[in-house]
Amino acid sequence: MASQGLTYDGCNFFRQRLVLSTLSGKRVKIRNIRSKDDNPGLRDFEASFIRLLDKVTNGTRIEINQTGTVLFYQPGLLYGGVVEHECNTQRSVGYYLEALLMLAPFMKNPLKAVLKGVTNDPTDPSVDQLKYTSIPVMKRFGIDGEGLELKVVKRGMAPGGGGEVLFTCPVRKTLRPIQLSEPGKIKRIRGIAYSVRVSPQMANRIVDSARSILNKFIPDIYIYTDHMKGDKSGKSPGFGLTLVAETLNGTFLSAEQVSTPQGQGDPVLPEDLGRNCAKLLLEEIYRGGCIDSANQSLALVYMTLGQQDVSKVLLGHLSPYTHLQLTTGLSSSDT
């Protein structure tokens, strides 16, 4: 265990700081967490995230002051095993899953995690997007085999949730260095249009509107429809679309759109959602790169944790999230 710790200010990059602390073994102290806010301190979803880290590690020490504005985190051993976690519905399962994708390959035991909560919301990457884009990135780094799986067991839309996701990942002692400099041309587009607690026709309307734009560019398009019923449909109505473009060199670029959560803002028509998602995918393709915007930070973490051999990857325009992470988000002071 490293003797020195790091001190951060504010709640920015909360997940990244705790994830990198866990991977490096350095303890961290985060001060002034929304200290000037009307409602200061950690939010419920952040507390839920800390509980998840506690479940996948052994010997982690966590101290939070009375107001929740100061957090001390001393990471333990990444243990893995079978974990079940009820994710807070303020954020989707993707918020928690992104961190597990970074941690899972380095655990002592293969991870089998069951996460319950919101599977699709407008804020975080959906489970579908992570399944179709993050898993291929992991395979590039040598994290593959039968033990790698991400599956939507039950779909739960915001704000009620009720979804369930199964994520299993094998252990890898070393990561394979990568050299990705040629994205290649687009060879096909796949997608999934989903709807829960609304008419199944919604998904078909989304598919038709998305195809009306994408058919102008490429003929090989197939968008699946997924309508879950009964106890597999969660607690809230909603619909959405995830699109993935695959290149000749095995690069996956994605875009997604989700309907407005029930009781929040103006409702959206399925036709508009399908067209907007298709345009977002075209914009993602225009940006280029061998890793799509949603997985830039995952690829950079894997490259950092790889062997001494140099990894090289071509990225498109950096997303605001990645840009801030590389420049100011992770700045700290030694304690």
C-alpha atoms as a PDB file:
ATOM      1  CA  MET A   1       0.000   0.000   0.000  1.00  0.00           C
ATOM      2  CA  ALA A   2       1.393   3.378  -0.969  1.00  0.00           C
ATOM      3  CA  SER A   3       2.167   5.538   2.037  1.00  0.00           C
ATOM      4  CA  GLN A   4       1.333   8.896   0.518  1.00  0.00           C
ATOM      5  CA  GLY A   5      -2.142  10.057  -0.387  1.00  0.00           C
ATOM      6  CA  LEU A   6      -3.719  12.543  -2.737  1.00  0.00           C
ATOM      7  CA  THR A   7      -6.055  15.416  -1.931  1.00  0.00           C
ATOM      8  CA  TYR A   8      -8.708  16.728  -4.304  1.00  0.00           C
ATOM      9  CA  ASP A   9     -11.201  19.580  -4.174  1.00  0.00           C
ATOM     10  CA  GLY A  10     -14.801  19.370  -5.342  1.00  0.00           C
ATOM     11  CA  CYS A  11     -17.020  16.638  -6.731  1.00  0.00           C
ATOM     12  CA  ASN A  12     -15.738  16.670 -10.340  1.00  0.00           C
ATOM     13  CA  PHE A  13     -14.497  13.300 -11.610  1.00  0.00           C
ATOM     14  CA  PHE A  14     -15.642  11.616  -8.421  1.00  0.00           C
ATOM     15  CA  ARG A  15     -15.777   8.163 -10.028  1.00  0.00           C
ATOM     16  CA  GLN A  16     -12.442   8.466 -11.821  1.00  0.00           C
ATOM     17  CA  ARG A  17     -10.651   9.544  -8.671  1.00  0.00           C
ATOM     18  CA  LEU A  18     -11.978   6.607  -6.676  1.00  0.00           C
ATOM     19  CA  VAL A  19     -11.415   4.114  -9.508  1.00  0.00           C
ATOM     20  CA  LEU A  20      -7.811   5.229 -10.084  1.00  0.00           C
ATOM     21  CA  SER A  21      -7.241   5.253  -6.325  1.00  0.00           C
ATOM     22  CA  THR A  22      -8.449   1.644  -6.186  1.00  0.00           C
ATOM     23  CA  LEU A  23      -6.243   0.590  -9.115  1.00  0.00           C
ATOM     24  CA  SER A  24      -3.115   2.350  -7.818  1.00  0.00           C
ATOM     25  CA  GLY A  25      -3.570   1.618  -4.107  1.00  0.00           C
ATOM     26  CA  LYS A  26      -3.181   5.305  -3.197  1.00  0.00           C
ATOM     27  CA  ARG A  27      -5.515   6.696  -0.594  1.00  0.00           C
ATOM     28  CA  VAL A  28      -7.418   9.865  -1.492  1.00  0.00           C
ATOM     29  CA  LYS A  29      -9.113  12.649   0.383  1.00  0.00           C
ATOM     30  CA  ILE A  30     -11.785  14.688  -1.394  1.00  0.00           C
ATOM     31  CA  ARG A  31     -12.693  17.992   0.256  1.00  0.00           C
ATOM     32  CA  ASN A  32     -15.299  20.684  -0.345  1.00  0.00           C
ATOM     33  CA  ILE A  33     -17.828  18.349  -1.984  1.00  0.00           C
ATOM     34  CA  ARG A  34     -20.545  20.854  -2.953  1.00  0.00           C
ATOM     35  CA  SER A  35     -19.644  22.785   0.203  1.00  0.00           C
ATOM     36  CA  LYS A  36     -21.256  26.013  -1.102  1.00  0.00           C
ATOM     37  CA  ASP A  37     -24.376  24.301  -2.412  1.00  0.00           C
ATOM     38  CA  ASP A  38     -27.799  24.713  -0.775  1.00  0.00           C
ATOM     39  CA  ASN A  39     -27.736  20.933  -0.332  1.00  0.00           C
ATOM     40  CA  PRO A  40     -24.049  20.243   0.487  1.00  0.00           C
ATOM     41  CA  GLY A  41     -22.219  16.931   0.477  1.00  0.00           C
ATOM     42  CA  LEU A  42     -22.428  13.633  -1.375  1.00  0.00           C
ATOM     43  CA  ARG A  43     -25.522  12.774  -3.379  1.00  0.00           C
ATOM     44  CA  ASP A  44     -27.345   9.480  -2.901  1.00  0.00           C
ATOM     45  CA  PHE A  45     -26.027   8.062  -6.181  1.00  0.00           C
ATOM     46  CA  GLU A  46     -22.437   8.834  -5.136  1.00  0.00           C
ATOM     47  CA  ALA A  47     -22.951   7.111  -1.788  1.00  0.00           C
ATOM     48  CA  SER A  48     -24.355   4.136  -3.704  1.00  0.00           C
ATOM     49  CA  PHE A  49     -21.231   4.122  -5.895  1.00  0.00           C
ATOM     50  CA  ILE A  50     -18.993   4.044  -2.792  1.00  0.00           C
ATOM     51  CA  ARG A  51     -20.988   1.065  -1.468  1.00  0.00           C
ATOM     52  CA  LEU A  52     -20.437  -0.755  -4.768  1.00  0.00           C
ATOM     53  CA  LEU A  53     -16.663  -0.198  -4.543  1.00  0.00           C
ATOM     54  CA  ASP A  54     -16.774  -1.528  -0.986  1.00  0.00           C
ATOM     55  CA  LYS A  55     -18.517  -4.692  -2.229  1.00  0.00           C
ATOM     56  CA  VAL A  56     -15.958  -5.493  -4.953  1.00  0.00           C
ATOM     57  CA  THR A  57     -12.959  -4.833  -2.677  1.00  0.00           C
ATOM     58  CA  ASN A  58     -11.716  -6.324   0.593  1.00  0.00           C
ATOM     59  CA  GLY A  59     -10.359  -4.140   3.390  1.00  0.00           C
ATOM     60  CA  THR A  60     -11.385  -0.757   2.005  1.00  0.00           C
ATOM     61  CA  ARG A  61     -11.608   2.021   4.585  1.00  0.00           C
ATOM     62  CA  ILE A  62     -14.115   4.822   4.021  1.00  0.00           C
ATOM     63  CA  GLU A  63     -14.680   7.867   6.222  1.00  0.00           C
ATOM     64  CA  ILE A  64     -17.243  10.605   5.519  1.00  0.00           C
ATOM     65  CA  ASN A  65     -17.732  13.654   7.729  1.00  0.00           C
ATOM     66  CA  GLN A  66     -21.122  14.577   9.172  1.00  0.00           C
ATOM     67  CA  THR A  67     -22.097  16.989   6.393  1.00  0.00           C
ATOM     68  CA  GLY A  68     -20.835  14.690   3.627  1.00  0.00           C
ATOM     69  CA  THR A  69     -18.476  17.358   2.242  1.00  0.00           C
ATOM     70  CA  VAL A  70     -15.234  15.464   3.026  1.00  0.00           C
ATOM     71  CA  LEU A  71     -14.498  11.878   1.965  1.00  0.00           C
ATOM     72  CA  PHE A  72     -11.461   9.810   2.939  1.00  0.00           C
ATOM     73  CA  TYR A  73     -10.990   6.651   0.859  1.00  0.00           C
ATOM     74  CA  GLN A  74      -8.272   4.073   1.479  1.00  0.00           C
ATOM     75  CA  PRO A  75      -8.617   1.294  -1.112  1.00  0.00           C
ATOM     76  CA  GLY A  76      -8.388  -2.365  -0.233  1.00  0.00           C
ATOM     77  CA  LEU A  77      -7.702  -5.420  -2.395  1.00  0.00           C
ATOM     78  CA  LEU A  78      -9.737  -5.798  -5.580  1.00  0.00           C
ATOM     79  CA  TYR A  79     -11.453  -9.063  -4.696  1.00  0.00           C
ATOM     80  CA  GLY A  80     -14.272  -9.569  -7.201  1.00  0.00           C
ATOM     81  CA  GLY A  81     -16.504 -12.638  -6.876  1.00  0.00           C
ATOM     82  CA  VAL A  82     -20.303 -12.553  -6.898  1.00  0.00           C
ATOM     83  CA  VAL A  83     -21.757  -9.095  -6.219  1.00  0.00           C
ATOM     84  CA  GLU A  84     -25.334  -7.837  -6.188  1.00  0.00           C
ATOM     85  CA  HIS A  85     -26.007  -4.107  -5.967  1.00  0.00           C
ATOM     86  CA  GLU A  86     -29.122  -1.938  -5.965  1.00  0.00           C
ATOM     87  CA  CYS A  87     -28.067   1.156  -7.930  1.00  0.00           C
ATOM     88  CA  ASN A  88     -29.576   4.503  -6.987  1.00  0.00           C
ATOM     89  CA  THR A  89     -32.197   5.559  -9.550  1.00  0.00           C
ATOM     90  CA  GLN A  90     -30.860   9.141  -9.796  1.00  0.00           C
ATOM     91  CA  ARG A  91     -28.313   7.735 -12.278  1.00  0.00           C
ATOM     92  CA  SER A  92     -28.490   4.750 -14.587  1.00  0.00           C
ATOM     93  CA  VAL A  93     -26.704   1.426 -14.228  1.00  0.00           C
ATOM     94  CA  GLY A  94     -24.260   2.688 -16.889  1.00  0.00           C
ATOM     95  CA  TYR A  95     -22.820   5.162 -14.354  1.00  0.00           C
ATOM     96  CA  TYR A  96     -21.792   2.256 -12.101  1.00  0.00           C
ATOM     97  CA  LEU A  97     -20.941  -0.121 -14.934  1.00  0.00           C
ATOM     98  CA  GLU A  98     -18.383   2.217 -16.511  1.00  0.00           C
ATOM     99  CA  ALA A  99     -16.313   1.982 -13.321  1.00  0.00           C
ATOM    100  CA  LEU A 100     -16.641  -1.816 -13.135  1.00  0.00           C
ATOM    101  CA  LEU A 101     -15.401  -2.124 -16.738  1.00  0.00           C
ATOM    102  CA  MET A 102     -12.170  -0.411 -15.662  1.00  0.00           C
ATOM    103  CA  LEU A 103     -11.744  -2.462 -12.473  1.00  0.00           C
ATOM    104  CA  ALA A 104     -13.035  -5.939 -13.372  1.00  0.00           C
ATOM    105  CA  PRO A 105      -9.999  -7.338 -15.298  1.00  0.00           C
ATOM    106  CA  PHE A 106      -7.647  -6.640 -12.368  1.00  0.00           C
ATOM    107  CA  MET A 107      -9.571  -8.386  -9.593  1.00  0.00           C
ATOM    108  CA  LYS A 108      -8.397 -11.432  -7.662  1.00  0.00           C
ATOM    109  CA  ASN A 109     -11.441 -13.498  -8.683  1.00  0.00           C
ATOM    110  CA  PRO A 110     -13.582 -13.318 -11.840  1.00  0.00           C
ATOM    111  CA  LEU A 111     -16.390 -10.813 -11.324  1.00  0.00           C
ATOM    112  CA  LYS A 112     -20.066 -11.697 -11.567  1.00  0.00           C
ATOM    113  CA  ALA A 113     -22.089  -8.554 -10.845  1.00  0.00           C
ATOM    114  CA  VAL A 114     -25.866  -8.167 -10.827  1.00  0.00           C
ATOM    115  CA  LEU A 115     -26.805  -4.480 -10.955  1.00  0.00           C
ATOM    116  CA  LYS A 116     -30.405  -3.363 -10.447  1.00  0.00           C
ATOM    117  CA  GLY A 117     -31.896   0.024 -11.260  1.00  0.00           C
ATOM    118  CA  VAL A 118     -32.344   2.251 -14.345  1.00  0.00           C
ATOM    119  CA  THR A 119     -30.889   0.630 -17.489  1.00  0.00           C
ATOM    120  CA  ASN A 120     -31.623   3.515 -19.889  1.00  0.00           C
ATOM    121  CA  ASP A 121     -31.757   7.250 -19.218  1.00  0.00           C
ATOM    122  CA  PRO A 122     -30.766  10.420 -21.153  1.00  0.00           C
ATOM    123  CA  THR A 123     -27.762  11.215 -18.902  1.00  0.00           C
ATOM    124  CA  ASP A 124     -25.473   8.172 -18.796  1.00  0.00           C
ATOM    125  CA  PRO A 125     -24.398   5.602 -21.421  1.00  0.00           C
ATOM    126  CA  SER A 126     -27.006   2.877 -21.600  1.00  0.00           C
ATOM    127  CA  VAL A 127     -26.238  -0.782 -20.968  1.00  0.00           C
ATOM    128  CA  ASP A 128     -26.914  -1.435 -24.675  1.00  0.00           C
ATOM    129  CA  GLN A 129     -24.300   1.099 -25.783  1.00  0.00           C
ATOM    130  CA  LEU A 130     -21.711  -0.339 -23.377  1.00  0.00           C
ATOM    131  CA  LYS A 131     -22.521  -3.873 -24.540  1.00  0.00           C
ATOM    132  CA  TYR A 132     -22.017  -3.088 -28.237  1.00  0.00           C
ATOM    133  CA  THR A 133     -18.992  -0.753 -27.940  1.00  0.00           C
ATOM    134  CA  SER A 134     -17.139  -1.243 -24.615  1.00  0.00           C
ATOM    135  CA  ILE A 135     -16.988  -5.048 -24.793  1.00  0.00           C
ATOM    136  CA  PRO A 136     -15.222  -4.930 -28.224  1.00  0.00           C
ATOM    137  CA  VAL A 137     -12.713  -2.409 -26.758  1.00  0.00           C
ATOM    138  CA  MET A 138     -12.016  -4.824 -23.881  1.00  0.00           C
ATOM    139  CA  LYS A 139     -11.458  -7.647 -26.374  1.00  0.00           C
ATOM    140  CA  ARG A 140      -8.894  -5.516 -28.210  1.00  0.00           C
ATOM    141  CA  PHE A 141      -6.851  -5.409 -25.007  1.00  0.00           C
ATOM    142  CA  GLY A 142      -6.998  -9.193 -24.592  1.00  0.00           C
ATOM    143  CA  ILE A 143      -9.896  -9.284 -22.115  1.00  0.00           C
ATOM    144  CA  ASP A 144     -12.043 -11.922 -23.789  1.00  0.00           C
ATOM    145  CA  GLY A 145     -13.250 -15.505 -23.543  1.00  0.00           C
ATOM    146  CA  GLU A 146     -16.476 -17.119 -22.424  1.00  0.00           C
ATOM    147  CA  GLY A 147     -16.398 -15.307 -19.083  1.00  0.00           C
ATOM    148  CA  LEU A 148     -16.946 -11.850 -20.634  1.00  0.00           C
ATOM    149  CA  GLU A 149     -20.650 -11.021 -20.882  1.00  0.00           C
ATOM    150  CA  LEU A 150     -22.971  -8.049 -20.464  1.00  0.00           C
ATOM    151  CA  LYS A 151     -26.658  -8.896 -20.544  1.00  0.00           C
ATOM    152  CA  VAL A 152     -29.896  -6.966 -19.961  1.00  0.00           C
ATOM    153  CA  VAL A 153     -32.091  -9.305 -17.893  1.00  0.00           C
ATOM    154  CA  LYS A 154     -34.806  -6.711 -17.194  1.00  0.00           C
ATOM    155  CA  ARG A 155     -35.124  -3.288 -18.751  1.00  0.00           C
ATOM    156  CA  GLY A 156     -35.898  -0.332 -16.474  1.00  0.00           C
ATOM    157  CA  MET A 157     -36.444   3.215 -17.726  1.00  0.00           C
ATOM    158  CA  ALA A 158     -35.993   6.408 -15.713  1.00  0.00           C
ATOM    159  CA  PRO A 159     -37.235   7.544 -13.262  1.00  0.00           C
ATOM    160  CA  GLY A 160     -38.671   4.355 -11.690  1.00  0.00           C
ATOM    161  CA  GLY A 161     -35.997   1.850 -12.719  1.00  0.00           C
ATOM    162  CA  GLY A 162     -36.713  -1.794 -11.999  1.00  0.00           C
ATOM    163  CA  GLY A 163     -34.144  -3.063 -14.491  1.00  0.00           C
ATOM    164  CA  GLU A 164     -31.519  -5.741 -13.966  1.00  0.00           C
ATOM    165  CA  VAL A 165     -28.150  -6.240 -15.657  1.00  0.00           C
ATOM    166  CA  LEU A 166     -25.680  -9.142 -15.470  1.00  0.00           C
ATOM    167  CA  PHE A 167     -21.980  -8.409 -16.023  1.00  0.00           C
ATOM    168  CA  THR A 168     -19.311 -11.118 -15.865  1.00  0.00           C
ATOM    169  CA  CYS A 169     -15.614 -10.586 -16.561  1.00  0.00           C
ATOM    170  CA  PRO A 170     -12.546 -12.847 -16.393  1.00  0.00           C
ATOM    171  CA  VAL A 171      -9.298 -11.861 -14.668  1.00  0.00           C
ATOM    172  CA  ARG A 172      -6.283 -10.760 -16.713  1.00  0.00           C
ATOM    173  CA  LYS A 173      -2.825 -10.289 -15.221  1.00  0.00           C
ATOM    174  CA  THR A 174      -1.607  -8.290 -18.198  1.00  0.00           C
ATOM    175  CA  LEU A 175      -3.261  -6.305 -20.978  1.00  0.00           C
ATOM    176  CA  ARG A 176      -2.315  -6.618 -24.623  1.00  0.00           C
ATOM    177  CA  PRO A 177      -0.764  -3.443 -26.131  1.00  0.00           C
ATOM    178  CA  ILE A 178      -2.765  -2.069 -29.061  1.00  0.00           C
ATOM    179  CA  GLN A 179      -1.872  -0.214 -32.241  1.00  0.00           C
ATOM    180  CA  LEU A 180      -5.010   1.323 -33.715  1.00  0.00           C
ATOM    181  CA  SER A 181      -4.407   4.025 -36.302  1.00  0.00           C
ATOM    182  CA  GLU A 182      -6.771   3.140 -39.159  1.00  0.00           C
ATOM    183  CA  PRO A 183     -10.508   3.190 -38.369  1.00  0.00           C
ATOM    184  CA  GLY A 184     -11.457   1.814 -41.804  1.00  0.00           C
ATOM    185  CA  LYS A 185     -14.618   2.376 -43.812  1.00  0.00           C
ATOM    186  CA  ILE A 186     -18.092   1.662 -42.467  1.00  0.00           C
ATOM    187  CA  LYS A 187     -19.321  -1.784 -43.554  1.00  0.00           C
ATOM    188  CA  ARG A 188     -22.584  -2.130 -41.645  1.00  0.00           C
ATOM    189  CA  ILE A 189     -24.897  -0.493 -39.127  1.00  0.00           C
ATOM    190  CA  ARG A 190     -26.710  -2.402 -36.397  1.00  0.00           C
ATOM    191  CA  GLY A 191     -29.010  -1.169 -33.669  1.00  0.00           C
ATOM    192  CA  ILE A 192     -31.651  -1.954 -31.113  1.00  0.00           C
ATOM    193  CA  ALA A 193     -34.916  -0.042 -30.677  1.00  0.00           C
ATOM    194  CA  TYR A 194     -36.525  -0.804 -27.317  1.00  0.00           C
ATOM    195  CA  SER A 195     -39.816   0.073 -25.689  1.00  0.00           C
ATOM    196  CA  VAL A 196     -41.323  -0.775 -22.300  1.00  0.00           C
ATOM    197  CA  ARG A 197     -44.793  -0.098 -20.914  1.00  0.00           C
ATOM    198  CA  VAL A 198     -45.809   1.617 -24.163  1.00  0.00           C
ATOM    199  CA  SER A 199     -47.183   0.284 -27.457  1.00  0.00           C
ATOM    200  CA  PRO A 200     -44.784  -2.141 -29.238  1.00  0.00           C
ATOM    201  CA  GLN A 201     -45.482  -0.055 -32.348  1.00  0.00           C
ATOM    202  CA  MET A 202     -43.260   2.696 -30.885  1.00  0.00           C
ATOM    203  CA  ALA A 203     -40.122   0.662 -31.622  1.00  0.00           C
ATOM    204  CA  ASN A 204     -41.213   0.070 -35.233  1.00  0.00           C
ATOM    205  CA  ARG A 205     -41.802   3.799 -35.729  1.00  0.00           C
ATOM    206  CA  ILE A 206     -38.304   4.523 -34.391  1.00  0.00           C
ATOM    207  CA  VAL A 207     -36.761   1.979 -36.800  1.00  0.00           C
ATOM    208  CA  ASP A 208     -38.574   3.423 -39.842  1.00  0.00           C
ATOM    209  CA  SER A 209     -37.537   7.005 -39.092  1.00  0.00           C
ATOM    210  CA  ALA A 210     -33.875   6.062 -38.436  1.00  0.00           C
ATOM    211  CA  ARG A 211     -33.691   4.031 -41.642  1.00  0.00           C
ATOM    212  CA  SER A 212     -35.156   6.937 -43.653  1.00  0.00           C
ATOM    213  CA  ILE A 213     -31.860   8.783 -43.034  1.00  0.00           C
ATOM    214  CA  LEU A 214     -29.319   5.937 -42.881  1.00  0.00           C
ATOM    215  CA  ASN A 215     -30.539   4.172 -46.059  1.00  0.00           C
ATOM    216  CA  LYS A 216     -29.097   7.066 -48.086  1.00  0.00           C
ATOM    217  CA  PHE A 217     -25.569   6.085 -47.051  1.00  0.00           C
ATOM    218  CA  ILE A 218     -25.317   2.289 -46.712  1.00  0.00           C
ATOM    219  CA  PRO A 219     -27.580  -0.668 -47.539  1.00  0.00           C
ATOM    220  CA  ASP A 220     -26.445  -3.088 -44.797  1.00  0.00           C
ATOM    221  CA  ILE A 221     -28.624  -1.845 -41.927  1.00  0.00           C
ATOM    222  CA  TYR A 222     -30.455  -4.004 -39.402  1.00  0.00           C
ATOM    223  CA  ILE A 223     -32.161  -2.565 -36.339  1.00  0.00           C
ATOM    224  CA  TYR A 224     -33.662  -5.056 -33.886  1.00  0.00           C
ATOM    225  CA  THR A 225     -36.782  -4.280 -31.882  1.00  0.00           C
ATOM    226  CA  ASP A 226     -36.967  -5.229 -28.221  1.00  0.00           C
ATOM    227  CA  HIS A 227     -40.250  -4.973 -26.323  1.00  0.00           C
ATOM    228  CA  MET A 228     -40.063  -6.411 -22.823  1.00  0.00           C
ATOM    229  CA  LYS A 229     -43.309  -7.203 -21.002  1.00  0.00           C
ATOM    230  CA  GLY A 230     -44.505  -7.924 -17.483  1.00  0.00           C
ATOM    231  CA  ASP A 231     -41.943  -8.012 -14.685  1.00  0.00           C
ATOM    232  CA  LYS A 232     -39.114  -7.564 -17.227  1.00  0.00           C
ATOM    233  CA  SER A 233     -40.357  -4.116 -18.262  1.00  0.00           C
ATOM    234  CA  GLY A 234     -39.427  -2.164 -15.129  1.00  0.00           C
ATOM    235  CA  LYS A 235     -41.529   0.459 -13.384  1.00  0.00           C
ATOM    236  CA  SER A 236     -41.648   3.374 -15.865  1.00  0.00           C
ATOM    237  CA  PRO A 237     -42.725   3.740 -19.513  1.00  0.00           C
ATOM    238  CA  GLY A 238     -40.258   4.765 -22.186  1.00  0.00           C
ATOM    239  CA  PHE A 239     -38.478   3.942 -25.435  1.00  0.00           C
ATOM    240  CA  GLY A 240     -35.134   4.557 -27.085  1.00  0.00           C
ATOM    241  CA  LEU A 241     -32.652   3.625 -29.801  1.00  0.00           C
ATOM    242  CA  THR A 242     -28.990   2.577 -29.798  1.00  0.00           C
ATOM    243  CA  LEU A 243     -27.133   2.527 -33.131  1.00  0.00           C
ATOM    244  CA  VAL A 244     -23.680   1.054 -33.804  1.00  0.00           C
ATOM    245  CA  ALA A 245     -21.617   1.422 -36.978  1.00  0.00           C
ATOM    246  CA  GLU A 246     -18.921  -1.213 -37.570  1.00  0.00           C
ATOM    247  CA  THR A 247     -15.917  -0.592 -39.814  1.00  0.00           C
ATOM    248  CA  LEU A 248     -13.864  -2.976 -41.939  1.00  0.00           C
ATOM    249  CA  ASN A 249     -11.084  -2.830 -39.314  1.00  0.00           C
ATOM    250  CA  GLY A 250     -13.355  -3.761 -36.401  1.00  0.00           C
ATOM    251  CA  THR A 251     -13.969  -0.285 -34.970  1.00  0.00           C
ATOM    252  CA  PHE A 252     -17.378   0.310 -33.384  1.00  0.00           C
ATOM    253  CA  LEU A 253     -18.886   3.818 -33.313  1.00  0.00           C
ATOM    254  CA  SER A 254     -22.154   4.397 -31.493  1.00  0.00           C
ATOM    255  CA  ALA A 255     -24.938   6.878 -30.779  1.00  0.00           C
ATOM    256  CA  GLU A 256     -28.094   6.666 -28.727  1.00  0.00           C
ATOM    257  CA  GLN A 257     -31.245   8.566 -27.823  1.00  0.00           C
ATOM    258  CA  VAL A 258     -33.721   7.902 -25.002  1.00  0.00           C
ATOM    259  CA  SER A 259     -37.222   9.279 -24.529  1.00  0.00           C
ATOM    260  CA  THR A 260     -37.825  11.964 -21.900  1.00  0.00           C
ATOM    261  CA  PRO A 261     -38.424  10.330 -18.488  1.00  0.00           C
ATOM    262  CA  GLN A 262     -42.040  10.295 -17.336  1.00  0.00           C
ATOM    263  CA  GLY A 263     -42.995  13.581 -15.673  1.00  0.00           C
ATOM    264  CA  GLN A 264     -39.810  15.400 -16.737  1.00  0.00           C
ATOM    265  CA  GLY A 265     -39.925  17.904 -19.595  1.00  0.00           C
ATOM    266  CA  ASP A 266     -41.692  17.707 -22.947  1.00  0.00           C
ATOM    267  CA  PRO A 267     -42.460  14.269 -24.405  1.00  0.00           C
ATOM    268  CA  VAL A 268     -40.629  13.262 -27.580  1.00  0.00           C
ATOM    269  CA  LEU A 269     -42.104  11.575 -30.664  1.00  0.00           C
ATOM    270  CA  PRO A 270     -40.558   8.249 -31.708  1.00  0.00           C
ATOM    271  CA  GLU A 271     -40.071   9.608 -35.264  1.00  0.00           C
ATOM    272  CA  ASP A 272     -38.046  12.566 -33.993  1.00  0.00           C
ATOM    273  CA  LEU A 273     -36.030  10.302 -31.685  1.00  0.00           C
ATOM    274  CA  GLY A 274     -35.131   7.927 -34.524  1.00  0.00           C
ATOM    275  CA  ARG A 275     -34.056  10.741 -36.858  1.00  0.00           C
ATOM    276  CA  ASN A 276     -32.024  12.511 -34.164  1.00  0.00           C
ATOM    277  CA  CYS A 277     -30.232   9.296 -33.220  1.00  0.00           C
ATOM    278  CA  ALA A 278     -29.351   8.599 -36.872  1.00  0.00           C
ATOM    279  CA  LYS A 279     -27.907  12.123 -37.184  1.00  0.00           C
ATOM    280  CA  LEU A 280     -25.885  11.631 -33.984  1.00  0.00           C
ATOM    281  CA  LEU A 281     -24.410   8.428 -35.430  1.00  0.00           C
ATOM    282  CA  LEU A 282     -23.443  10.251 -38.635  1.00  0.00           C
ATOM    283  CA  GLU A 283     -21.797  12.945 -36.522  1.00  0.00           C
ATOM    284  CA  GLU A 284     -19.869  10.291 -34.570  1.00  0.00           C
ATOM    285  CA  ILE A 285     -18.678   8.739 -37.848  1.00  0.00           C
ATOM    286  CA  TYR A 286     -17.637  12.206 -39.083  1.00  0.00           C
ATOM    287  CA  ARG A 287     -15.522  12.704 -35.947  1.00  0.00           C
ATOM    288  CA  GLY A 288     -13.624   9.527 -36.813  1.00  0.00           C
ATOM    289  CA  GLY A 289     -11.156   7.696 -34.617  1.00  0.00           C
ATOM    290  CA  CYS A 290     -10.711   4.040 -33.692  1.00  0.00           C
ATOM    291  CA  ILE A 291     -12.545   4.447 -30.360  1.00  0.00           C
ATOM    292  CA  ASP A 292     -15.922   6.158 -30.103  1.00  0.00           C
ATOM    293  CA  SER A 293     -16.589   9.093 -27.764  1.00  0.00           C
ATOM    294  CA  ALA A 294     -18.265   6.989 -25.068  1.00  0.00           C
ATOM    295  CA  ASN A 295     -15.198   4.746 -24.608  1.00  0.00           C
ATOM    296  CA  GLN A 296     -12.282   7.168 -24.872  1.00  0.00           C
ATOM    297  CA  SER A 297     -11.652   7.263 -21.123  1.00  0.00           C
ATOM    298  CA  LEU A 298     -11.890   3.441 -20.847  1.00  0.00           C
ATOM    299  CA  ALA A 299      -9.301   2.961 -23.604  1.00  0.00           C
ATOM    300  CA  LEU A 300      -6.964   5.550 -22.053  1.00  0.00           C
ATOM    301  CA  VAL A 301      -7.106   3.833 -18.644  1.00  0.00           C
ATOM    302  CA  TYR A 302      -6.344   0.437 -20.219  1.00  0.00           C
ATOM    303  CA  MET A 303      -3.430   1.959 -22.165  1.00  0.00           C
ATOM    304  CA  THR A 304      -2.042   3.441 -18.948  1.00  0.00           C
ATOM    305  CA  LEU A 305      -2.294   0.083 -17.148  1.00  0.00           C
ATOM    306  CA  GLY A 306      -0.784  -1.922 -19.983  1.00  0.00           C
ATOM    307  CA  GLN A 307       2.699  -3.382 -20.341  1.00  0.00           C
ATOM    308  CA  GLN A 308       5.835  -1.387 -21.110  1.00  0.00           C
ATOM    309  CA  ASP A 309       5.205  -1.843 -24.826  1.00  0.00           C
ATOM    310  CA  VAL A 310       3.752   1.350 -26.230  1.00  0.00           C
ATOM    311  CA  SER A 311       0.075   1.404 -27.123  1.00  0.00           C
ATOM    312  CA  LYS A 312      -1.071   3.805 -29.809  1.00  0.00           C
ATOM    313  CA  VAL A 313      -4.652   4.685 -30.669  1.00  0.00           C
ATOM    314  CA  LEU A 314      -6.231   7.246 -32.968  1.00  0.00           C
ATOM    315  CA  LEU A 315      -9.076   9.164 -31.332  1.00  0.00           C
ATOM    316  CA  GLY A 316     -11.544  11.485 -32.990  1.00  0.00           C
ATOM    317  CA  HIS A 317     -12.440  14.818 -31.427  1.00  0.00           C
ATOM    318  CA  LEU A 318     -12.035  14.423 -27.677  1.00  0.00           C
ATOM    319  CA  SER A 319     -15.339  14.504 -25.859  1.00  0.00           C
ATOM    320  CA  PRO A 320     -15.629  17.299 -23.239  1.00  0.00           C
ATOM    321  CA  TYR A 321     -15.517  14.558 -20.586  1.00  0.00           C
ATOM    322  CA  THR A 322     -12.223  13.106 -21.866  1.00  0.00           C
ATOM    323  CA  HIS A 323     -10.696  16.535 -22.477  1.00  0.00           C
ATOM    324  CA  LEU A 324     -11.348  17.722 -18.935  1.00  0.00           C
ATOM    325  CA  GLN A 325     -10.120  14.422 -17.519  1.00  0.00           C
ATOM    326  CA  LEU A 326      -6.803  14.790 -19.353  1.00  0.00           C
ATOM    327  CA  THR A 327      -6.269  18.478 -18.549  1.00  0.00           C
ATOM    328  CA  THR A 328      -7.663  19.615 -15.223  1.00  0.00           C
ATOM    329  CA  GLY A 329     -10.016  17.008 -13.811  1.00  0.00           C
ATOM    330  CA  LEU A 330      -7.422  14.792 -12.148  1.00  0.00           C
ATOM    331  CA  SER A 331      -5.077  17.511 -10.852  1.00  0.00           C
ATOM    332  CA  SER A 332      -4.277  17.024  -7.186  1.00  0.00           C
ATOM    333  CA  SER A 333      -1.876  17.826  -4.380  1.00  0.00           C
ATOM    334  CA  ASP A 334       0.155  15.371  -2.318  1.00  0.00           C
ATOM    335  CA  THR A 335      -0.611  15.137   1.389  1.00  0.00           C
END
